[in-house]
Amino acid sequence: MSGPAVRLVGAGVDVSAAHDGVRPGLRNALHDVRRERSRRGGGTPLVRDVVPDQEARPGLVSLRRAGELLTESFLPAPVAQADADSYANLSAMIDEVTARP
């Protein structure tokens, strides 16, 4: 990331696109995550196993939302697509190699 753009380079890929930067929603979500970590004493992770029918706690929701907003802000569609394509190509190559006798 450099200035107002995000760039993905490697393995035959070179794509860049403008990002949206830190918007108020992202700033607030990050503040919520920091507040929850502080409330927990800083040492307790904000991660848990997903258990069906268990209500999500506020800190976990904030962490998830912050991640979603980071992705929306700093991973524009052209870069996200190039990344997904690169991962798919890598996965196919790994499958091919591991399928050999």
Protein backbone atom coordinates (compact mmCIF):
# COMPACT_ATOMS: atom_id res chain seq x y z
CA MET A 1 0.00 0.00 0.00
CA SER A 2 1.42 3.34 -1.00
CA GLY A 3 -0.48 6.58 -0.58
CA PRO A 4 -4.03 6.29 -1.88
CA ALA A 5 -3.49 2.96 -3.68
CA VAL A 6 -3.11 -0.73 -2.88
CA ARG A 7 -0.85 -2.82 -5.13
CA LEU A 8 -0.50 -6.60 -5.42
CA VAL A 9 2.63 -7.80 -7.24
CA GLY A 10 4.02 -11.28 -7.81
CA ALA A 11 3.70 -14.51 -9.78
CA GLY A 12 2.70 -12.72 -12.98
CA VAL A 13 0.33 -10.36 -11.17
CA ASP A 14 0.70 -6.61 -10.97
CA VAL A 15 -2.53 -4.84 -10.13
CA SER A 16 -3.27 -1.70 -8.18
CA ALA A 17 -6.37 0.28 -7.28
CA ALA A 18 -7.34 3.21 -5.11
CA HIS A 19 -8.45 2.48 -1.57
CA ASP A 20 -10.94 4.35 0.58
CA GLY A 21 -8.68 4.96 3.57
CA VAL A 22 -9.83 5.02 7.16
CA ARG A 23 -13.46 6.10 7.23
CA PRO A 24 -15.45 6.94 10.38
CA GLY A 25 -17.09 3.48 10.59
CA LEU A 26 -13.69 1.75 10.54
CA ARG A 27 -12.28 4.21 13.08
CA ASN A 28 -15.24 3.50 15.40
CA ALA A 29 -14.96 -0.28 14.97
CA LEU A 30 -11.25 -0.18 15.82
CA HIS A 31 -12.03 1.96 18.86
CA ASP A 32 -14.61 -0.65 19.97
CA VAL A 33 -12.02 -3.43 19.63
CA ARG A 34 -9.45 -1.47 21.66
CA ARG A 35 -12.05 -0.69 24.32
CA GLU A 36 -13.06 -4.37 24.60
CA ARG A 37 -9.43 -5.49 24.84
CA SER A 38 -8.82 -2.90 27.54
CA ARG A 39 -11.93 -4.03 29.42
CA ARG A 40 -10.62 -7.61 29.36
CA GLY A 41 -7.21 -6.54 30.64
CA GLY A 42 -5.45 -6.76 27.29
CA GLY A 43 -4.37 -10.38 27.72
CA THR A 44 -7.58 -12.19 26.84
CA PRO A 45 -7.94 -12.83 23.11
CA LEU A 46 -11.11 -11.71 21.35
CA VAL A 47 -11.39 -15.05 19.56
CA ARG A 48 -13.49 -18.07 20.41
CA ASP A 49 -14.61 -21.24 18.72
CA VAL A 50 -17.84 -20.81 16.83
CA VAL A 51 -20.55 -22.61 18.74
CA PRO A 52 -24.03 -22.86 17.24
CA ASP A 53 -26.81 -21.12 19.17
CA GLN A 54 -24.31 -19.13 21.24
CA GLU A 55 -24.91 -15.40 21.31
CA ALA A 56 -21.98 -13.38 19.99
CA ARG A 57 -20.37 -11.12 22.57
CA PRO A 58 -19.91 -7.40 21.76
CA GLY A 59 -16.11 -7.58 21.49
CA LEU A 60 -16.28 -10.43 19.00
CA VAL A 61 -18.83 -8.60 16.88
CA SER A 62 -16.61 -5.49 16.92
CA LEU A 63 -13.56 -7.48 15.87
CA ARG A 64 -15.46 -9.12 13.01
CA ARG A 65 -16.89 -5.78 11.89
CA ALA A 66 -13.47 -4.11 12.04
CA GLY A 67 -12.09 -6.87 9.80
CA GLU A 68 -14.94 -6.46 7.33
CA LEU A 69 -14.46 -2.69 7.21
CA LEU A 70 -10.68 -3.06 6.79
CA THR A 71 -11.31 -5.36 3.84
CA GLU A 72 -13.85 -2.99 2.29
CA SER A 73 -11.55 0.00 2.76
CA PHE A 74 -8.16 -1.41 1.79
CA LEU A 75 -8.83 -4.33 -0.56
CA PRO A 76 -10.54 -2.85 -3.64
CA ALA A 77 -12.27 -5.25 -6.03
CA PRO A 78 -9.49 -5.48 -8.67
CA VAL A 79 -6.87 -6.30 -6.04
CA ALA A 80 -9.17 -8.74 -4.22
CA GLN A 81 -9.93 -10.55 -7.50
CA ALA A 82 -6.24 -10.81 -8.43
CA ASP A 83 -5.50 -12.17 -4.95
CA ALA A 84 -8.32 -14.72 -5.20
CA ASP A 85 -7.14 -15.78 -8.68
CA SER A 86 -3.55 -16.19 -7.44
CA TYR A 87 -4.75 -18.30 -4.52
CA ALA A 88 -6.88 -20.47 -6.82
CA ASN A 89 -3.90 -21.01 -9.15
CA LEU A 90 -1.67 -21.92 -6.22
CA SER A 91 -4.26 -24.33 -4.84
CA ALA A 92 -4.59 -26.01 -8.23
CA MET A 93 -0.81 -26.40 -8.48
CA ILE A 94 -0.64 -27.91 -4.99
CA ASP A 95 -3.48 -30.32 -5.82
CA GLU A 96 -1.66 -31.35 -9.00
CA VAL A 97 1.63 -31.97 -7.20
CA THR A 98 0.06 -33.88 -4.31
CA ALA A 99 -1.99 -36.06 -6.71
CA ARG A 100 1.14 -37.40 -8.41
CA PRO A 101 2.11 -40.95 -7.51
